[in-house]
Amino acid sequence: RAPVTERITQLGFSDGDYVQKGQMLAVLAQGQET
């Protein structure tokens, strides 16, 4: 689940994909935090 309220800027998976531990699933907007 999303830890904060923010806009999604990137997704790292497709439907039913096999993912590895630590693989990026989503990136939320982080301009202000950067």
ModelCIF file with pLDDT and N, C-alpha, C, O atoms, coordinates in Angstrom:
data_MODEL
#
_entry.id   MODEL 
#
_entity.id                         1 
_entity.type                       polymer 
_entity.pdbx_number_of_molecules   1 
#
_entity_poly.entity_id                      1 
_entity_poly.type                           'polypeptide(L)' 
_entity_poly.nstd_linkage                   no 
_entity_poly.nstd_monomer                   no 
_entity_poly.pdbx_seq_one_letter_code       RAPVTERITQLGFSDGDYVQKGQMLAVLAQGQET 
_entity_poly.pdbx_seq_one_letter_code_can   RAPVTERITQLGFSDGDYVQKGQMLAVLAQGQET 
_entity_poly.pdbx_strand_id                 A 
#
loop_
_entity_poly_seq.entity_id 
_entity_poly_seq.num 
_entity_poly_seq.mon_id 
_entity_poly_seq.hetero 
1 1  ARG n 
1 2  ALA n 
1 3  PRO n 
1 4  VAL n 
1 5  THR n 
1 6  GLU n 
1 7  ARG n 
1 8  ILE n 
1 9  THR n 
1 10 GLN n 
1 11 LEU n 
1 12 GLY n 
1 13 PHE n 
1 14 SER n 
1 15 ASP n 
1 16 GLY n 
1 17 ASP n 
1 18 TYR n 
1 19 VAL n 
1 20 GLN n 
1 21 LYS n 
1 22 GLY n 
1 23 GLN n 
1 24 MET n 
1 25 LEU n 
1 26 ALA n 
1 27 VAL n 
1 28 LEU n 
1 29 ALA n 
1 30 GLN n 
1 31 GLY n 
1 32 GLN n 
1 33 GLU n 
1 34 THR n 
#
_struct_asym.id          A 
_struct_asym.entity_id   1 
#
loop_
_ma_qa_metric.id 
_ma_qa_metric.mode 
_ma_qa_metric.name 
_ma_qa_metric.software_group_id 
_ma_qa_metric.type 
1 global pLDDT . pLDDT 
2 local  pLDDT . pLDDT 
#
_ma_qa_metric_global.metric_id      1 
_ma_qa_metric_global.metric_value   86.97 
_ma_qa_metric_global.model_id       1 
_ma_qa_metric_global.ordinal_id     1 
#
loop_
_ma_qa_metric_local.label_asym_id 
_ma_qa_metric_local.label_comp_id 
_ma_qa_metric_local.label_seq_id 
_ma_qa_metric_local.metric_id 
_ma_qa_metric_local.metric_value 
_ma_qa_metric_local.model_id 
_ma_qa_metric_local.ordinal_id 
A ARG 1  2 91.00 1 1  
A ALA 2  2 89.00 1 2  
A PRO 3  2 87.00 1 3  
A VAL 4  2 86.00 1 4  
A THR 5  2 87.00 1 5  
A GLU 6  2 87.00 1 6  
A ARG 7  2 89.00 1 7  
A ILE 8  2 89.00 1 8  
A THR 9  2 89.00 1 9  
A GLN 10 2 89.00 1 10 
A LEU 11 2 91.00 1 11 
A GLY 12 2 89.00 1 12 
A PHE 13 2 90.00 1 13 
A SER 14 2 90.00 1 14 
A ASP 15 2 90.00 1 15 
A GLY 16 2 89.00 1 16 
A ASP 17 2 91.00 1 17 
A TYR 18 2 93.00 1 18 
A VAL 19 2 93.00 1 19 
A GLN 20 2 93.00 1 20 
A LYS 21 2 93.00 1 21 
A GLY 22 2 91.00 1 22 
A GLN 23 2 92.00 1 23 
A MET 24 2 92.00 1 24 
A LEU 25 2 92.00 1 25 
A ALA 26 2 91.00 1 26 
A VAL 27 2 88.00 1 27 
A LEU 28 2 87.00 1 28 
A ALA 29 2 83.00 1 29 
A GLN 30 2 78.00 1 30 
A GLY 31 2 68.00 1 31 
A GLN 32 2 71.00 1 32 
A GLU 33 2 69.00 1 33 
A THR 34 2 70.00 1 34 
#
loop_
_atom_site.group_PDB 
_atom_site.id 
_atom_site.type_symbol 
_atom_site.label_atom_id 
_atom_site.label_alt_id 
_atom_site.label_comp_id 
_atom_site.label_asym_id 
_atom_site.label_entity_id 
_atom_site.label_seq_id 
_atom_site.pdbx_PDB_ins_code 
_atom_site.Cartn_x 
_atom_site.Cartn_y 
_atom_site.Cartn_z 
_atom_site.occupancy 
_atom_site.B_iso_or_equiv 
_atom_site.pdbx_formal_charge 
_atom_site.auth_seq_id 
_atom_site.auth_comp_id 
_atom_site.auth_asym_id 
_atom_site.auth_atom_id 
_atom_site.pdbx_PDB_model_num 
ATOM 1   N N  . ARG A 1 1  ? 0.820  -1.202  0.000   1.00 91.00 ? 1  ARG A N  1 
ATOM 2   C CA . ARG A 1 1  ? 0.000  0.000   0.000   1.00 91.00 ? 1  ARG A CA 1 
ATOM 3   C C  . ARG A 1 1  ? 0.861  1.262   0.000   1.00 91.00 ? 1  ARG A C  1 
ATOM 4   O O  . ARG A 1 1  ? 2.025  1.245   0.400   1.00 91.00 ? 1  ARG A O  1 
ATOM 5   N N  . ALA A 1 2  ? 0.261  2.345   -0.455  1.00 89.00 ? 2  ALA A N  1 
ATOM 6   C CA . ALA A 1 2  ? 0.970  3.630   -0.500  1.00 89.00 ? 2  ALA A CA 1 
ATOM 7   C C  . ALA A 1 2  ? 1.192  4.145   0.916   1.00 89.00 ? 2  ALA A C  1 
ATOM 8   O O  . ALA A 1 2  ? 0.252  4.176   1.710   1.00 89.00 ? 2  ALA A O  1 
ATOM 9   N N  . PRO A 1 3  ? 2.427  4.552   1.253   1.00 87.00 ? 3  PRO A N  1 
ATOM 10  C CA . PRO A 1 3  ? 2.697  5.040   2.609   1.00 87.00 ? 3  PRO A CA 1 
ATOM 11  C C  . PRO A 1 3  ? 2.240  6.487   2.824   1.00 87.00 ? 3  PRO A C  1 
ATOM 12  O O  . PRO A 1 3  ? 2.011  6.907   3.959   1.00 87.00 ? 3  PRO A O  1 
ATOM 13  N N  . VAL A 1 4  ? 2.107  7.249   1.728   1.00 86.00 ? 4  VAL A N  1 
ATOM 14  C CA . VAL A 1 4  ? 1.716  8.661   1.830   1.00 86.00 ? 4  VAL A CA 1 
ATOM 15  C C  . VAL A 1 4  ? 0.732  8.972   0.714   1.00 86.00 ? 4  VAL A C  1 
ATOM 16  O O  . VAL A 1 4  ? 0.569  8.191   -0.223  1.00 86.00 ? 4  VAL A O  1 
ATOM 17  N N  . THR A 1 5  ? 0.082  10.118  0.826   1.00 87.00 ? 5  THR A N  1 
ATOM 18  C CA . THR A 1 5  ? -0.803 10.583  -0.232  1.00 87.00 ? 5  THR A CA 1 
ATOM 19  C C  . THR A 1 5  ? 0.016  11.345  -1.259  1.00 87.00 ? 5  THR A C  1 
ATOM 20  O O  . THR A 1 5  ? 0.604  12.383  -0.951  1.00 87.00 ? 5  THR A O  1 
ATOM 21  N N  . GLU A 1 6  ? 0.053  10.827  -2.483  1.00 87.00 ? 6  GLU A N  1 
ATOM 22  C CA . GLU A 1 6  ? 0.886  11.454  -3.507  1.00 87.00 ? 6  GLU A CA 1 
ATOM 23  C C  . GLU A 1 6  ? 0.477  10.921  -4.877  1.00 87.00 ? 6  GLU A C  1 
ATOM 24  O O  . GLU A 1 6  ? -0.285 9.960   -4.986  1.00 87.00 ? 6  GLU A O  1 
ATOM 25  N N  . ARG A 1 7  ? 0.996  11.559  -5.910  1.00 89.00 ? 7  ARG A N  1 
ATOM 26  C CA . ARG A 1 7  ? 0.715  11.178  -7.288  1.00 89.00 ? 7  ARG A CA 1 
ATOM 27  C C  . ARG A 1 7  ? 1.747  10.141  -7.745  1.00 89.00 ? 7  ARG A C  1 
ATOM 28  O O  . ARG A 1 7  ? 2.930  10.245  -7.421  1.00 89.00 ? 7  ARG A O  1 
ATOM 29  N N  . ILE A 1 8  ? 1.273  9.126   -8.514  1.00 89.00 ? 8  ILE A N  1 
ATOM 30  C CA . ILE A 1 8  ? 2.161  8.085   -9.043  1.00 89.00 ? 8  ILE A CA 1 
ATOM 31  C C  . ILE A 1 8  ? 2.850  8.610   -10.298 1.00 89.00 ? 8  ILE A C  1 
ATOM 32  O O  . ILE A 1 8  ? 2.200  9.081   -11.232 1.00 89.00 ? 8  ILE A O  1 
ATOM 33  N N  . THR A 1 9  ? 4.171  8.519   -10.302 1.00 89.00 ? 9  THR A N  1 
ATOM 34  C CA . THR A 1 9  ? 4.935  8.972   -11.469 1.00 89.00 ? 9  THR A CA 1 
ATOM 35  C C  . THR A 1 9  ? 5.528  7.818   -12.284 1.00 89.00 ? 9  THR A C  1 
ATOM 36  O O  . THR A 1 9  ? 5.928  8.012   -13.432 1.00 89.00 ? 9  THR A O  1 
ATOM 37  N N  . GLN A 1 10 ? 5.585  6.612   -11.690 1.00 89.00 ? 10 GLN A N  1 
ATOM 38  C CA . GLN A 1 10 ? 6.181  5.485   -12.396 1.00 89.00 ? 10 GLN A CA 1 
ATOM 39  C C  . GLN A 1 10 ? 5.685  4.173   -11.802 1.00 89.00 ? 10 GLN A C  1 
ATOM 40  O O  . GLN A 1 10 ? 5.522  4.061   -10.587 1.00 89.00 ? 10 GLN A O  1 
ATOM 41  N N  . LEU A 1 11 ? 5.446  3.181   -12.656 1.00 91.00 ? 11 LEU A N  1 
ATOM 42  C CA . LEU A 1 11 ? 5.077  1.838   -12.226 1.00 91.00 ? 11 LEU A CA 1 
ATOM 43  C C  . LEU A 1 11 ? 6.106  0.854   -12.774 1.00 91.00 ? 11 LEU A C  1 
ATOM 44  O O  . LEU A 1 11 ? 6.572  0.998   -13.905 1.00 91.00 ? 11 LEU A O  1 
ATOM 45  N N  . GLY A 1 12 ? 6.456  -0.144  -11.968 1.00 89.00 ? 12 GLY A N  1 
ATOM 46  C CA . GLY A 1 12 ? 7.506  -1.081  -12.369 1.00 89.00 ? 12 GLY A CA 1 
ATOM 47  C C  . GLY A 1 12 ? 7.033  -2.506  -12.564 1.00 89.00 ? 12 GLY A C  1 
ATOM 48  O O  . GLY A 1 12 ? 7.842  -3.431  -12.501 1.00 89.00 ? 12 GLY A O  1 
ATOM 49  N N  . PHE A 1 13 ? 5.743  -2.712  -12.799 1.00 90.00 ? 13 PHE A N  1 
ATOM 50  C CA . PHE A 1 13 ? 5.243  -4.083  -12.996 1.00 90.00 ? 13 PHE A CA 1 
ATOM 51  C C  . PHE A 1 13 ? 4.050  -4.067  -13.932 1.00 90.00 ? 13 PHE A C  1 
ATOM 52  O O  . PHE A 1 13 ? 3.400  -3.039  -14.126 1.00 90.00 ? 13 PHE A O  1 
ATOM 53  N N  . SER A 1 14 ? 3.777  -5.227  -14.504 1.00 90.00 ? 14 SER A N  1 
ATOM 54  C CA . SER A 1 14 ? 2.591  -5.436  -15.339 1.00 90.00 ? 14 SER A CA 1 
ATOM 55  C C  . SER A 1 14 ? 1.724  -6.499  -14.700 1.00 90.00 ? 14 SER A C  1 
ATOM 56  O O  . SER A 1 14 ? 2.121  -7.119  -13.713 1.00 90.00 ? 14 SER A O  1 
ATOM 57  N N  . ASP A 1 15 ? 0.547  -6.711  -15.254 1.00 90.00 ? 15 ASP A N  1 
ATOM 58  C CA . ASP A 1 15 ? -0.402 -7.668  -14.686 1.00 90.00 ? 15 ASP A CA 1 
ATOM 59  C C  . ASP A 1 15 ? 0.227  -9.052  -14.526 1.00 90.00 ? 15 ASP A C  1 
ATOM 60  O O  . ASP A 1 15 ? 0.732  -9.623  -15.492 1.00 90.00 ? 15 ASP A O  1 
ATOM 61  N N  . GLY A 1 16 ? 0.196  -9.592  -13.292 1.00 89.00 ? 16 GLY A N  1 
ATOM 62  C CA . GLY A 1 16 ? 0.639  -10.957 -13.037 1.00 89.00 ? 16 GLY A CA 1 
ATOM 63  C C  . GLY A 1 16 ? 2.123  -11.198 -13.150 1.00 89.00 ? 16 GLY A C  1 
ATOM 64  O O  . GLY A 1 16 ? 2.553  -12.350 -13.210 1.00 89.00 ? 16 GLY A O  1 
ATOM 65  N N  . ASP A 1 17 ? 2.930  -10.134 -13.180 1.00 91.00 ? 17 ASP A N  1 
ATOM 66  C CA . ASP A 1 17 ? 4.384  -10.293 -13.298 1.00 91.00 ? 17 ASP A CA 1 
ATOM 67  C C  . ASP A 1 17 ? 4.977  -11.022 -12.094 1.00 91.00 ? 17 ASP A C  1 
ATOM 68  O O  . ASP A 1 17 ? 4.436  -10.983 -10.990 1.00 91.00 ? 17 ASP A O  1 
ATOM 69  N N  . TYR A 1 18 ? 6.103  -11.686 -12.341 1.00 93.00 ? 18 TYR A N  1 
ATOM 70  C CA . TYR A 1 18 ? 6.904  -12.221 -11.238 1.00 93.00 ? 18 TYR A CA 1 
ATOM 71  C C  . TYR A 1 18 ? 7.952  -11.169 -10.888 1.00 93.00 ? 18 TYR A C  1 
ATOM 72  O O  . TYR A 1 18 ? 8.706  -10.739 -11.761 1.00 93.00 ? 18 TYR A O  1 
ATOM 73  N N  . VAL A 1 19 ? 8.009  -10.752 -9.639  1.00 93.00 ? 19 VAL A N  1 
ATOM 74  C CA . VAL A 1 19 ? 8.936  -9.696  -9.224  1.00 93.00 ? 19 VAL A CA 1 
ATOM 75  C C  . VAL A 1 19 ? 9.890  -10.258 -8.181  1.00 93.00 ? 19 VAL A C  1 
ATOM 76  O O  . VAL A 1 19 ? 9.556  -11.181 -7.437  1.00 93.00 ? 19 VAL A O  1 
ATOM 77  N N  . GLN A 1 20 ? 11.079 -9.682  -8.144  1.00 93.00 ? 20 GLN A N  1 
ATOM 78  C CA . GLN A 1 20 ? 12.094 -10.078 -7.168  1.00 93.00 ? 20 GLN A CA 1 
ATOM 79  C C  . GLN A 1 20 ? 11.984 -9.207  -5.917  1.00 93.00 ? 20 GLN A C  1 
ATOM 80  O O  . GLN A 1 20 ? 11.464 -8.092  -5.952  1.00 93.00 ? 20 GLN A O  1 
ATOM 81  N N  . LYS A 1 21 ? 12.489 -9.753  -4.817  1.00 93.00 ? 21 LYS A N  1 
ATOM 82  C CA . LYS A 1 21 ? 12.501 -8.993  -3.572  1.00 93.00 ? 21 LYS A CA 1 
ATOM 83  C C  . LYS A 1 21 ? 13.269 -7.689  -3.774  1.00 93.00 ? 21 LYS A C  1 
ATOM 84  O O  . LYS A 1 21 ? 14.380 -7.699  -4.303  1.00 93.00 ? 21 LYS A O  1 
ATOM 85  N N  . GLY A 1 22 ? 12.681 -6.564  -3.354  1.00 91.00 ? 22 GLY A N  1 
ATOM 86  C CA . GLY A 1 22 ? 13.307 -5.256  -3.481  1.00 91.00 ? 22 GLY A CA 1 
ATOM 87  C C  . GLY A 1 22 ? 13.056 -4.569  -4.805  1.00 91.00 ? 22 GLY A C  1 
ATOM 88  O O  . GLY A 1 22 ? 13.452 -3.418  -4.989  1.00 91.00 ? 22 GLY A O  1 
ATOM 89  N N  . GLN A 1 23 ? 12.400 -5.260  -5.740  1.00 92.00 ? 23 GLN A N  1 
ATOM 90  C CA . GLN A 1 23 ? 12.127 -4.633  -7.040  1.00 92.00 ? 23 GLN A CA 1 
ATOM 91  C C  . GLN A 1 23 ? 11.138 -3.500  -6.890  1.00 92.00 ? 23 GLN A C  1 
ATOM 92  O O  . GLN A 1 23 ? 10.183 -3.591  -6.118  1.00 92.00 ? 23 GLN A O  1 
ATOM 93  N N  . MET A 1 24 ? 11.376 -2.405  -7.651  1.00 92.00 ? 24 MET A N  1 
ATOM 94  C CA . MET A 1 24 ? 10.500 -1.244  -7.586  1.00 92.00 ? 24 MET A CA 1 
ATOM 95  C C  . MET A 1 24 ? 9.136  -1.564  -8.190  1.00 92.00 ? 24 MET A C  1 
ATOM 96  O O  . MET A 1 24 ? 9.038  -2.072  -9.307  1.00 92.00 ? 24 MET A O  1 
ATOM 97  N N  . LEU A 1 25 ? 8.085  -1.256  -7.430  1.00 92.00 ? 25 LEU A N  1 
ATOM 98  C CA . LEU A 1 25 ? 6.722  -1.447  -7.921  1.00 92.00 ? 25 LEU A CA 1 
ATOM 99  C C  . LEU A 1 25 ? 6.095  -0.128  -8.369  1.00 92.00 ? 25 LEU A C  1 
ATOM 100 O O  . LEU A 1 25 ? 5.370  -0.081  -9.362  1.00 92.00 ? 25 LEU A O  1 
ATOM 101 N N  . ALA A 1 26 ? 6.380  0.932   -7.633  1.00 91.00 ? 26 ALA A N  1 
ATOM 102 C CA . ALA A 1 26 ? 5.814  2.241   -7.977  1.00 91.00 ? 26 ALA A CA 1 
ATOM 103 C C  . ALA A 1 26 ? 6.685  3.336   -7.390  1.00 91.00 ? 26 ALA A C  1 
ATOM 104 O O  . ALA A 1 26 ? 7.333  3.153   -6.359  1.00 91.00 ? 26 ALA A O  1 
ATOM 105 N N  . VAL A 1 27 ? 6.690  4.486   -8.070  1.00 88.00 ? 27 VAL A N  1 
ATOM 106 C CA . VAL A 1 27 ? 7.387  5.681   -7.584  1.00 88.00 ? 27 VAL A CA 1 
ATOM 107 C C  . VAL A 1 27 ? 6.353  6.791   -7.463  1.00 88.00 ? 27 VAL A C  1 
ATOM 108 O O  . VAL A 1 27 ? 5.604  7.061   -8.402  1.00 88.00 ? 27 VAL A O  1 
ATOM 109 N N  . LEU A 1 28 ? 6.321  7.431   -6.300  1.00 87.00 ? 28 LEU A N  1 
ATOM 110 C CA . LEU A 1 28 ? 5.421  8.552   -6.072  1.00 87.00 ? 28 LEU A CA 1 
ATOM 111 C C  . LEU A 1 28 ? 6.188  9.856   -6.252  1.00 87.00 ? 28 LEU A C  1 
ATOM 112 O O  . LEU A 1 28 ? 7.408  9.904   -6.093  1.00 87.00 ? 28 LEU A O  1 
ATOM 113 N N  . ALA A 1 29 ? 5.454  10.904  -6.585  1.00 83.00 ? 29 ALA A N  1 
ATOM 114 C CA . ALA A 1 29 ? 6.089  12.215  -6.800  1.00 83.00 ? 29 ALA A CA 1 
ATOM 115 C C  . ALA A 1 29 ? 6.918  12.598  -5.580  1.00 83.00 ? 29 ALA A C  1 
ATOM 116 O O  . ALA A 1 29 ? 6.463  12.474  -4.443  1.00 83.00 ? 29 ALA A O  1 
ATOM 117 N N  . GLN A 1 30 ? 8.151  13.069  -5.834  1.00 78.00 ? 30 GLN A N  1 
ATOM 118 C CA . GLN A 1 30 ? 9.077  13.356  -4.735  1.00 78.00 ? 30 GLN A CA 1 
ATOM 119 C C  . GLN A 1 30 ? 9.907  14.616  -4.987  1.00 78.00 ? 30 GLN A C  1 
ATOM 120 O O  . GLN A 1 30 ? 11.005 14.760  -4.449  1.00 78.00 ? 30 GLN A O  1 
ATOM 121 N N  . GLY A 1 31 ? 9.379  15.523  -5.803  1.00 68.00 ? 31 GLY A N  1 
ATOM 122 C CA . GLY A 1 31 ? 10.137 16.742  -6.117  1.00 68.00 ? 31 GLY A CA 1 
ATOM 123 C C  . GLY A 1 31 ? 10.452 17.562  -4.878  1.00 68.00 ? 31 GLY A C  1 
ATOM 124 O O  . GLY A 1 31 ? 11.596 17.975  -4.688  1.00 68.00 ? 31 GLY A O  1 
ATOM 125 N N  . GLN A 1 32 ? 9.473  17.801  -4.044  1.00 71.00 ? 32 GLN A N  1 
ATOM 126 C CA . GLN A 1 32 ? 9.698  18.605  -2.846  1.00 71.00 ? 32 GLN A CA 1 
ATOM 127 C C  . GLN A 1 32 ? 10.649 17.902  -1.888  1.00 71.00 ? 32 GLN A C  1 
ATOM 128 O O  . GLN A 1 32 ? 11.506 18.539  -1.276  1.00 71.00 ? 32 GLN A O  1 
ATOM 129 N N  . GLU A 1 33 ? 10.501 16.615  -1.763  1.00 69.00 ? 33 GLU A N  1 
ATOM 130 C CA . GLU A 1 33 ? 11.361 15.849  -0.860  1.00 69.00 ? 33 GLU A CA 1 
ATOM 131 C C  . GLU A 1 33 ? 12.803 15.840  -1.362  1.00 69.00 ? 33 GLU A C  1 
ATOM 132 O O  . GLU A 1 33 ? 13.740 15.873  -0.564  1.00 69.00 ? 33 GLU A O  1 
ATOM 133 N N  . THR A 1 34 ? 12.988 15.793  -2.715  1.00 70.00 ? 34 THR A N  1 
ATOM 134 C CA . THR A 1 34 ? 14.330 15.811  -3.280  1.00 70.00 ? 34 THR A CA 1 
ATOM 135 C C  . THR A 1 34 ? 15.012 17.142  -2.977  1.00 70.00 ? 34 THR A C  1 
ATOM 136 O O  . THR A 1 34 ? 16.159 17.352  -3.373  1.00 70.00 ? 34 THR A O  1 
#
